[in-house]
Amino acid sequence: MILSEQVLSLLFCFIWGFVYYFLFYKFKRFLVFSKFNLLYNIIFNLTMSIGFFMGIVKINDGILNIYFLIFIILGFVLSRFIFGKFKCQI
C-alpha cells in the first residue's frame, strides 16, 4: 500500500468514528428503548460495517490493518469528548 492510500485510509477511519458516533447518538432511542432493540442493534451495526468495508474497498482494495481500528476508536472517543464537552445538540 502506498503512502497516499494509507493516509487516505486513516483519514477515512478517523472520520468513520465521528460518523458512527453521530448516527449512534441519533438512533440511540431506537437501539436502546425499543421493543426490538436487539434486532435494531444488529441491523445498525451490520449496516455500518458494510458501509465501512465498502469505503475501504474503494480506497485501498479492502486491505485492513490494526491501526485502522485504532483510528476508528480514536475518532469515536474524540467525537464523544467534543460533543459531550461543548454540550452540542446533534
PDB file of N, CA and C in Angstrom:
ATOM      1  N   MET A   1       0.845  -1.162   0.000  1.00  0.00           N
ATOM      2  CA  MET A   1       0.000   0.000   0.000  1.00  0.00           C
ATOM      3  C   MET A   1       0.901   1.239   0.000  1.00  0.00           C
ATOM      4  N   ILE A   2       0.628   2.144  -0.903  1.00  0.00           N
ATOM      5  CA  ILE A   2       1.445   3.353  -0.983  1.00  0.00           C
ATOM      6  C   ILE A   2       1.007   4.354   0.090  1.00  0.00           C
ATOM      7  N   LEU A   3       1.846   5.352   0.310  1.00  0.00           N
ATOM      8  CA  LEU A   3       1.635   6.296   1.403  1.00  0.00           C
ATOM      9  C   LEU A   3       0.324   7.065   1.265  1.00  0.00           C
ATOM     10  N   SER A   4      -0.022   7.481   0.069  1.00  0.00           N
ATOM     11  CA  SER A   4      -1.257   8.251  -0.115  1.00  0.00           C
ATOM     12  C   SER A   4      -2.486   7.407   0.223  1.00  0.00           C
ATOM     13  N   GLU A   5      -2.465   6.116  -0.103  1.00  0.00           N
ATOM     14  CA  GLU A   5      -3.568   5.225   0.261  1.00  0.00           C
ATOM     15  C   GLU A   5      -3.654   5.057   1.772  1.00  0.00           C
ATOM     16  N   GLN A   6      -2.517   4.962   2.432  1.00  0.00           N
ATOM     17  CA  GLN A   6      -2.520   4.815   3.878  1.00  0.00           C
ATOM     18  C   GLN A   6      -3.075   6.050   4.573  1.00  0.00           C
ATOM     19  N   VAL A   7      -2.654   7.219   4.123  1.00  0.00           N
ATOM     20  CA  VAL A   7      -3.137   8.457   4.728  1.00  0.00           C
ATOM     21  C   VAL A   7      -4.632   8.611   4.479  1.00  0.00           C
ATOM     22  N   LEU A   8      -5.081   8.330   3.274  1.00  0.00           N
ATOM     23  CA  LEU A   8      -6.500   8.422   2.958  1.00  0.00           C
ATOM     24  C   LEU A   8      -7.307   7.399   3.760  1.00  0.00           C
ATOM     25  N   SER A   9      -6.773   6.204   3.935  1.00  0.00           N
ATOM     26  CA  SER A   9      -7.455   5.181   4.729  1.00  0.00           C
ATOM     27  C   SER A   9      -7.549   5.582   6.197  1.00  0.00           C
ATOM     28  N   LEU A  10      -6.469   6.149   6.740  1.00  0.00           N
ATOM     29  CA  LEU A  10      -6.503   6.581   8.135  1.00  0.00           C
ATOM     30  C   LEU A  10      -7.487   7.729   8.325  1.00  0.00           C
ATOM     31  N   LEU A  11      -7.514   8.655   7.387  1.00  0.00           N
ATOM     32  CA  LEU A  11      -8.458   9.762   7.460  1.00  0.00           C
ATOM     33  C   LEU A  11      -9.894   9.246   7.364  1.00  0.00           C
ATOM     34  N   PHE A  12     -10.135   8.297   6.478  1.00  0.00           N
ATOM     35  CA  PHE A  12     -11.461   7.696   6.345  1.00  0.00           C
ATOM     36  C   PHE A  12     -11.875   7.003   7.644  1.00  0.00           C
ATOM     37  N   CYS A  13     -10.971   6.269   8.262  1.00  0.00           N
ATOM     38  CA  CYS A  13     -11.288   5.569   9.510  1.00  0.00           C
ATOM     39  C   CYS A  13     -11.561   6.552  10.640  1.00  0.00           C
ATOM     40  N   PHE A  14     -10.793   7.614  10.702  1.00  0.00           N
ATOM     41  CA  PHE A  14     -10.999   8.620  11.736  1.00  0.00           C
ATOM     42  C   PHE A  14     -12.360   9.295  11.566  1.00  0.00           C
ATOM     43  N   ILE A  15     -12.699   9.660  10.336  1.00  0.00           N
ATOM     44  CA  ILE A  15     -13.997  10.287  10.064  1.00  0.00           C
ATOM     45  C   ILE A  15     -15.127   9.289  10.292  1.00  0.00           C
ATOM     46  N   TRP A  16     -14.874   8.017   9.994  1.00  0.00           N
ATOM     47  CA  TRP A  16     -15.897   6.991  10.218  1.00  0.00           C
ATOM     48  C   TRP A  16     -16.227   6.872  11.708  1.00  0.00           C
ATOM     49  N   GLY A  17     -15.250   7.077  12.584  1.00  0.00           N
ATOM     50  CA  GLY A  17     -15.512   7.090  14.019  1.00  0.00           C
ATOM     51  C   GLY A  17     -16.466   8.210  14.397  1.00  0.00           C
ATOM     52  N   PHE A  18     -16.293   9.397  13.793  1.00  0.00           N
ATOM     53  CA  PHE A  18     -17.210  10.512  14.021  1.00  0.00           C
ATOM     54  C   PHE A  18     -18.609  10.175  13.512  1.00  0.00           C
ATOM     55  N   VAL A  19     -18.690   9.628  12.308  1.00  0.00           N
ATOM     56  CA  VAL A  19     -19.981   9.286  11.713  1.00  0.00           C
ATOM     57  C   VAL A  19     -20.686   8.228  12.550  1.00  0.00           C
ATOM     58  N   TYR A  20     -19.936   7.233  12.988  1.00  0.00           N
ATOM     59  CA  TYR A  20     -20.528   6.174  13.795  1.00  0.00           C
ATOM     60  C   TYR A  20     -21.090   6.734  15.094  1.00  0.00           C
ATOM     61  N   TYR A  21     -20.340   7.619  15.753  1.00  0.00           N
ATOM     62  CA  TYR A  21     -20.832   8.208  16.999  1.00  0.00           C
ATOM     63  C   TYR A  21     -22.060   9.071  16.742  1.00  0.00           C
ATOM     64  N   PHE A  22     -22.035   9.869  15.688  1.00  0.00           N
ATOM     65  CA  PHE A  22     -23.160  10.741  15.367  1.00  0.00           C
ATOM     66  C   PHE A  22     -24.426   9.925  15.115  1.00  0.00           C
ATOM     67  N   LEU A  23     -24.337   8.892  14.284  1.00  0.00           N
ATOM     68  CA  LEU A  23     -25.511   8.075  13.978  1.00  0.00           C
ATOM     69  C   LEU A  23     -25.960   7.267  15.188  1.00  0.00           C
ATOM     70  N   PHE A  24     -25.014   6.776  15.970  1.00  0.00           N
ATOM     71  CA  PHE A  24     -25.389   6.035  17.167  1.00  0.00           C
ATOM     72  C   PHE A  24     -26.106   6.947  18.152  1.00  0.00           C
ATOM     73  N   TYR A  25     -25.642   8.177  18.282  1.00  0.00           N
ATOM     74  CA  TYR A  25     -26.281   9.132  19.177  1.00  0.00           C
ATOM     75  C   TYR A  25     -27.684   9.479  18.688  1.00  0.00           C
ATOM     76  N   LYS A  26     -27.856   9.619  17.371  1.00  0.00           N
ATOM     77  CA  LYS A  26     -29.166   9.955  16.814  1.00  0.00           C
ATOM     78  C   LYS A  26     -30.165   8.807  16.968  1.00  0.00           C
ATOM     79  N   PHE A  27     -29.711   7.575  16.758  1.00  0.00           N
ATOM     80  CA  PHE A  27     -30.611   6.424  16.795  1.00  0.00           C
ATOM     81  C   PHE A  27     -30.574   5.683  18.126  1.00  0.00           C
ATOM     82  N   LYS A  28     -30.029   6.307  19.150  1.00  0.00           N
ATOM     83  CA  LYS A  28     -29.900   5.642  20.440  1.00  0.00           C
ATOM     84  C   LYS A  28     -31.256   5.264  21.016  1.00  0.00           C
ATOM     85  N   ARG A  29     -32.247   6.119  20.832  1.00  0.00           N
ATOM     86  CA  ARG A  29     -33.562   5.816  21.402  1.00  0.00           C
ATOM     87  C   ARG A  29     -34.201   4.611  20.719  1.00  0.00           C
ATOM     88  N   PHE A  30     -33.899   4.395  19.435  1.00  0.00           N
ATOM     89  CA  PHE A  30     -34.419   3.215  18.751  1.00  0.00           C
ATOM     90  C   PHE A  30     -33.633   1.970  19.120  1.00  0.00           C
ATOM     91  N   LEU A  31     -32.335   2.136  19.381  1.00  0.00           N
ATOM     92  CA  LEU A  31     -31.492   0.982  19.673  1.00  0.00           C
ATOM     93  C   LEU A  31     -31.637   0.502  21.113  1.00  0.00           C
ATOM     94  N   VAL A  32     -31.970   1.410  22.026  1.00  0.00           N
ATOM     95  CA  VAL A  32     -31.997   1.047  23.436  1.00  0.00           C
ATOM     96  C   VAL A  32     -33.416   0.916  23.975  1.00  0.00           C
ATOM     97  N   PHE A  33     -34.266   1.860  23.650  1.00  0.00           N
ATOM     98  CA  PHE A  33     -35.591   1.920  24.261  1.00  0.00           C
ATOM     99  C   PHE A  33     -36.683   1.347  23.379  1.00  0.00           C
ATOM    100  N   SER A  34     -36.359   0.382  22.600  1.00  0.00           N
ATOM    101  CA  SER A  34     -37.333  -0.201  21.692  1.00  0.00           C
ATOM    102  C   SER A  34     -37.634  -1.632  22.110  1.00  0.00           C
ATOM    103  N   LYS A  35     -38.779  -2.102  21.657  1.00  0.00           N
ATOM    104  CA  LYS A  35     -39.161  -3.483  21.936  1.00  0.00           C
ATOM    105  C   LYS A  35     -38.238  -4.463  21.200  1.00  0.00           C
ATOM    106  N   PHE A  36     -37.794  -4.048  20.029  1.00  0.00           N
ATOM    107  CA  PHE A  36     -36.930  -4.896  19.203  1.00  0.00           C
ATOM    108  C   PHE A  36     -35.501  -4.368  19.211  1.00  0.00           C
ATOM    109  N   ASN A  37     -34.971  -4.040  20.382  1.00  0.00           N
ATOM    110  CA  ASN A  37     -33.663  -3.389  20.447  1.00  0.00           C
ATOM    111  C   ASN A  37     -32.537  -4.282  19.926  1.00  0.00           C
ATOM    112  N   LEU A  38     -32.596  -5.571  20.136  1.00  0.00           N
ATOM    113  CA  LEU A  38     -31.549  -6.454  19.631  1.00  0.00           C
ATOM    114  C   LEU A  38     -31.548  -6.476  18.104  1.00  0.00           C
ATOM    115  N   LEU A  39     -32.726  -6.534  17.514  1.00  0.00           N
ATOM    116  CA  LEU A  39     -32.829  -6.535  16.052  1.00  0.00           C
ATOM    117  C   LEU A  39     -32.329  -5.222  15.469  1.00  0.00           C
ATOM    118  N   TYR A  40     -32.736  -4.091  16.053  1.00  0.00           N
ATOM    119  CA  TYR A  40     -32.271  -2.790  15.580  1.00  0.00           C
ATOM    120  C   TYR A  40     -30.764  -2.636  15.737  1.00  0.00           C
ATOM    121  N   ASN A  41     -30.239  -3.141  16.832  1.00  0.00           N
ATOM    122  CA  ASN A  41     -28.803  -3.048  17.080  1.00  0.00           C
ATOM    123  C   ASN A  41     -28.021  -3.864  16.048  1.00  0.00           C
ATOM    124  N   ILE A  42     -28.493  -5.044  15.734  1.00  0.00           N
ATOM    125  CA  ILE A  42     -27.823  -5.892  14.743  1.00  0.00           C
ATOM    126  C   ILE A  42     -27.883  -5.241  13.361  1.00  0.00           C
ATOM    127  N   ILE A  43     -29.046  -4.729  12.988  1.00  0.00           N
ATOM    128  CA  ILE A  43     -29.188  -4.087  11.680  1.00  0.00           C
ATOM    129  C   ILE A  43     -28.314  -2.843  11.591  1.00  0.00           C
ATOM    130  N   PHE A  44     -28.284  -2.031  12.649  1.00  0.00           N
ATOM    131  CA  PHE A  44     -27.469  -0.813  12.653  1.00  0.00           C
ATOM    132  C   PHE A  44     -25.992  -1.147  12.505  1.00  0.00           C
ATOM    133  N   ASN A  45     -25.498  -2.081  13.315  1.00  0.00           N
ATOM    134  CA  ASN A  45     -24.078  -2.423  13.251  1.00  0.00           C
ATOM    135  C   ASN A  45     -23.707  -3.120  11.948  1.00  0.00           C
ATOM    136  N   LEU A  46     -24.596  -3.926  11.431  1.00  0.00           N
ATOM    137  CA  LEU A  46     -24.332  -4.581  10.147  1.00  0.00           C
ATOM    138  C   LEU A  46     -24.271  -3.557   9.014  1.00  0.00           C
ATOM    139  N   THR A  47     -25.176  -2.598   9.027  1.00  0.00           N
ATOM    140  CA  THR A  47     -25.174  -1.549   8.012  1.00  0.00           C
ATOM    141  C   THR A  47     -23.914  -0.696   8.103  1.00  0.00           C
ATOM    142  N   MET A  48     -23.524  -0.337   9.318  1.00  0.00           N
ATOM    143  CA  MET A  48     -22.311   0.454   9.499  1.00  0.00           C
ATOM    144  C   MET A  48     -21.070  -0.323   9.070  1.00  0.00           C
ATOM    145  N   SER A  49     -21.027  -1.602   9.355  1.00  0.00           N
ATOM    146  CA  SER A  49     -19.877  -2.429   8.958  1.00  0.00           C
ATOM    147  C   SER A  49     -19.783  -2.567   7.444  1.00  0.00           C
ATOM    148  N   ILE A  50     -20.913  -2.793   6.804  1.00  0.00           N
ATOM    149  CA  ILE A  50     -20.910  -2.910   5.343  1.00  0.00           C
ATOM    150  C   ILE A  50     -20.487  -1.596   4.706  1.00  0.00           C
ATOM    151  N   GLY A  51     -20.984  -0.482   5.243  1.00  0.00           N
ATOM    152  CA  GLY A  51     -20.573   0.825   4.725  1.00  0.00           C
ATOM    153  C   GLY A  51     -19.092   1.074   4.887  1.00  0.00           C
ATOM    154  N   PHE A  52     -18.538   0.685   6.042  1.00  0.00           N
ATOM    155  CA  PHE A  52     -17.110   0.846   6.273  1.00  0.00           C
ATOM    156  C   PHE A  52     -16.293   0.010   5.296  1.00  0.00           C
ATOM    157  N   PHE A  53     -16.652  -1.247   5.128  1.00  0.00           N
ATOM    158  CA  PHE A  53     -15.889  -2.103   4.233  1.00  0.00           C
ATOM    159  C   PHE A  53     -16.029  -1.677   2.774  1.00  0.00           C
ATOM    160  N   MET A  54     -17.177  -1.144   2.392  1.00  0.00           N
ATOM    161  CA  MET A  54     -17.309  -0.635   1.032  1.00  0.00           C
ATOM    162  C   MET A  54     -16.385   0.564   0.816  1.00  0.00           C
ATOM    163  N   GLY A  55     -16.269   1.427   1.818  1.00  0.00           N
ATOM    164  CA  GLY A  55     -15.353   2.558   1.716  1.00  0.00           C
ATOM    165  C   GLY A  55     -13.906   2.130   1.656  1.00  0.00           C
ATOM    166  N   ILE A  56     -13.531   1.153   2.486  1.00  0.00           N
ATOM    167  CA  ILE A  56     -12.152   0.654   2.485  1.00  0.00           C
ATOM    168  C   ILE A  56     -11.827  -0.045   1.170  1.00  0.00           C
ATOM    169  N   VAL A  57     -12.786  -0.759   0.605  1.00  0.00           N
ATOM    170  CA  VAL A  57     -12.547  -1.416  -0.686  1.00  0.00           C
ATOM    171  C   VAL A  57     -12.328  -0.375  -1.780  1.00  0.00           C
ATOM    172  N   LYS A  58     -13.080   0.715  -1.740  1.00  0.00           N
ATOM    173  CA  LYS A  58     -12.898   1.770  -2.746  1.00  0.00           C
ATOM    174  C   LYS A  58     -11.537   2.446  -2.603  1.00  0.00           C
ATOM    175  N   ILE A  59     -11.062   2.613  -1.360  1.00  0.00           N
ATOM    176  CA  ILE A  59      -9.818   3.350  -1.137  1.00  0.00           C
ATOM    177  C   ILE A  59      -8.592   2.482  -1.402  1.00  0.00           C
ATOM    178  N   ASN A  60      -8.529   1.296  -0.763  1.00  0.00           N
ATOM    179  CA  ASN A  60      -7.295   0.514  -0.854  1.00  0.00           C
ATOM    180  C   ASN A  60      -7.526  -0.972  -1.108  1.00  0.00           C
ATOM    181  N   ASP A  61      -8.552  -1.300  -1.835  1.00  0.00           N
ATOM    182  CA  ASP A  61      -8.849  -2.680  -2.236  1.00  0.00           C
ATOM    183  C   ASP A  61      -9.116  -3.603  -1.057  1.00  0.00           C
ATOM    184  N   GLY A  62      -9.609  -3.080   0.044  1.00  0.00           N
ATOM    185  CA  GLY A  62     -10.048  -3.893   1.174  1.00  0.00           C
ATOM    186  C   GLY A  62      -8.952  -4.390   2.094  1.00  0.00           C
ATOM    187  N   ILE A  63      -7.796  -3.774   2.075  1.00  0.00           N
ATOM    188  CA  ILE A  63      -6.712  -4.178   2.963  1.00  0.00           C
ATOM    189  C   ILE A  63      -6.958  -3.556   4.336  1.00  0.00           C
ATOM    190  N   LEU A  64      -7.048  -4.391   5.366  1.00  0.00           N
ATOM    191  CA  LEU A  64      -7.306  -3.914   6.724  1.00  0.00           C
ATOM    192  C   LEU A  64      -6.056  -4.073   7.578  1.00  0.00           C
ATOM    193  N   ASN A  65      -5.817  -3.101   8.424  1.00  0.00           N
ATOM    194  CA  ASN A  65      -4.719  -3.149   9.377  1.00  0.00           C
ATOM    195  C   ASN A  65      -5.252  -2.797  10.758  1.00  0.00           C
ATOM    196  N   ILE A  66      -4.491  -3.134  11.781  1.00  0.00           N
ATOM    197  CA  ILE A  66      -4.937  -2.900  13.145  1.00  0.00           C
ATOM    198  C   ILE A  66      -5.025  -1.409  13.446  1.00  0.00           C
ATOM    199  N   TYR A  67      -4.194  -0.604  12.825  1.00  0.00           N
ATOM    200  CA  TYR A  67      -4.249   0.822  13.122  1.00  0.00           C
ATOM    201  C   TYR A  67      -5.486   1.476  12.525  1.00  0.00           C
ATOM    202  N   PHE A  68      -6.172   0.843  11.596  1.00  0.00           N
ATOM    203  CA  PHE A  68      -7.464   1.358  11.143  1.00  0.00           C
ATOM    204  C   PHE A  68      -8.468   1.297  12.290  1.00  0.00           C
ATOM    205  N   LEU A  69      -8.487   0.190  13.003  1.00  0.00           N
ATOM    206  CA  LEU A  69      -9.371   0.052  14.166  1.00  0.00           C
ATOM    207  C   LEU A  69      -9.021   1.078  15.240  1.00  0.00           C
ATOM    208  N   ILE A  70      -7.745   1.313  15.437  1.00  0.00           N
ATOM    209  CA  ILE A  70      -7.314   2.309  16.428  1.00  0.00           C
ATOM    210  C   ILE A  70      -7.815   3.694  16.035  1.00  0.00           C
ATOM    211  N   PHE A  71      -7.765   4.034  14.755  1.00  0.00           N
ATOM    212  CA  PHE A  71      -8.233   5.346  14.320  1.00  0.00           C
ATOM    213  C   PHE A  71      -9.751   5.463  14.386  1.00  0.00           C
ATOM    214  N   ILE A  72     -10.478   4.381  14.162  1.00  0.00           N
ATOM    215  CA  ILE A  72     -11.934   4.411  14.333  1.00  0.00           C
ATOM    216  C   ILE A  72     -12.272   4.682  15.795  1.00  0.00           C
ATOM    217  N   ILE A  73     -11.618   3.974  16.697  1.00  0.00           N
ATOM    218  CA  ILE A  73     -11.861   4.176  18.127  1.00  0.00           C
ATOM    219  C   ILE A  73     -11.444   5.581  18.544  1.00  0.00           C
ATOM    220  N   LEU A  74     -10.334   6.066  18.027  1.00  0.00           N
ATOM    221  CA  LEU A  74      -9.886   7.422  18.337  1.00  0.00           C
ATOM    222  C   LEU A  74     -10.899   8.466  17.846  1.00  0.00           C
ATOM    223  N   GLY A  75     -11.430   8.297  16.663  1.00  0.00           N
ATOM    224  CA  GLY A  75     -12.454   9.203  16.152  1.00  0.00           C
ATOM    225  C   GLY A  75     -13.729   9.146  16.976  1.00  0.00           C
ATOM    226  N   PHE A  76     -14.127   7.940  17.393  1.00  0.00           N
ATOM    227  CA  PHE A  76     -15.317   7.774  18.222  1.00  0.00           C
ATOM    228  C   PHE A  76     -15.137   8.467  19.569  1.00  0.00           C
ATOM    229  N   VAL A  77     -14.000   8.241  20.211  1.00  0.00           N
ATOM    230  CA  VAL A  77     -13.742   8.824  21.531  1.00  0.00           C
ATOM    231  C   VAL A  77     -13.604  10.341  21.428  1.00  0.00           C
ATOM    232  N   LEU A  78     -12.914  10.820  20.418  1.00  0.00           N
ATOM    233  CA  LEU A  78     -12.741  12.260  20.256  1.00  0.00           C
ATOM    234  C   LEU A  78     -14.073  12.955  19.976  1.00  0.00           C
ATOM    235  N   SER A  79     -14.911  12.346  19.163  1.00  0.00           N
ATOM    236  CA  SER A  79     -16.224  12.945  18.901  1.00  0.00           C
ATOM    237  C   SER A  79     -17.092  12.915  20.152  1.00  0.00           C
ATOM    238  N   ARG A  80     -16.980  11.874  20.942  1.00  0.00           N
ATOM    239  CA  ARG A  80     -17.726  11.827  22.204  1.00  0.00           C
ATOM    240  C   ARG A  80     -17.243  12.919  23.144  1.00  0.00           C
ATOM    241  N   PHE A  81     -15.951  13.147  23.172  1.00  0.00           N
ATOM    242  CA  PHE A  81     -15.392  14.202  24.009  1.00  0.00           C
ATOM    243  C   PHE A  81     -15.848  15.585  23.530  1.00  0.00           C
ATOM    244  N   ILE A  82     -15.809  15.803  22.214  1.00  0.00           N
ATOM    245  CA  ILE A  82     -16.189  17.100  21.660  1.00  0.00           C
ATOM    246  C   ILE A  82     -17.675  17.380  21.881  1.00  0.00           C
ATOM    247  N   PHE A  83     -18.530  16.418  21.531  1.00  0.00           N
ATOM    248  CA  PHE A  83     -19.972  16.641  21.679  1.00  0.00           C
ATOM    249  C   PHE A  83     -20.377  16.681  23.146  1.00  0.00           C
ATOM    250  N   GLY A  84     -19.699  15.958  24.000  1.00  0.00           N
ATOM    251  CA  GLY A  84     -20.024  15.972  25.418  1.00  0.00           C
ATOM    252  C   GLY A  84     -19.526  17.218  26.127  1.00  0.00           C
ATOM    253  N   LYS A  85     -18.351  17.694  25.764  1.00  0.00           N
ATOM    254  CA  LYS A  85     -17.764  18.852  26.442  1.00  0.00           C
ATOM    255  C   LYS A  85     -18.494  20.137  26.100  1.00  0.00           C
ATOM    256  N   PHE A  86     -18.840  20.317  24.850  1.00  0.00           N
ATOM    257  CA  PHE A  86     -19.491  21.535  24.431  1.00  0.00           C
ATOM    258  C   PHE A  86     -21.012  21.451  24.483  1.00  0.00           C
ATOM    259  N   LYS A  87     -21.526  20.302  24.911  1.00  0.00           N
ATOM    260  CA  LYS A  87     -22.967  20.091  25.012  1.00  0.00           C
ATOM    261  C   LYS A  87     -23.677  20.421  23.714  1.00  0.00           C
ATOM    262  N   CYS A  88     -23.102  19.933  22.620  1.00  0.00           N
ATOM    263  CA  CYS A  88     -23.680  20.192  21.314  1.00  0.00           C
ATOM    264  C   CYS A  88     -24.963  19.367  21.150  1.00  0.00           C
ATOM    265  N   GLN A  89     -25.958  19.982  20.594  1.00  0.00           N
ATOM    266  CA  GLN A  89     -27.183  19.270  20.262  1.00  0.00           C
ATOM    267  C   GLN A  89     -27.066  18.793  18.830  1.00  0.00           C
ATOM    268  N   ILE A  90     -26.992  17.510  18.673  1.00  0.00           N
ATOM    269  CA  ILE A  90     -26.853  16.929  17.337  1.00  0.00           C
ATOM    270  C   ILE A  90     -28.209  16.783  16.717  1.00  0.00           C
TER     271      ILE A  90
END
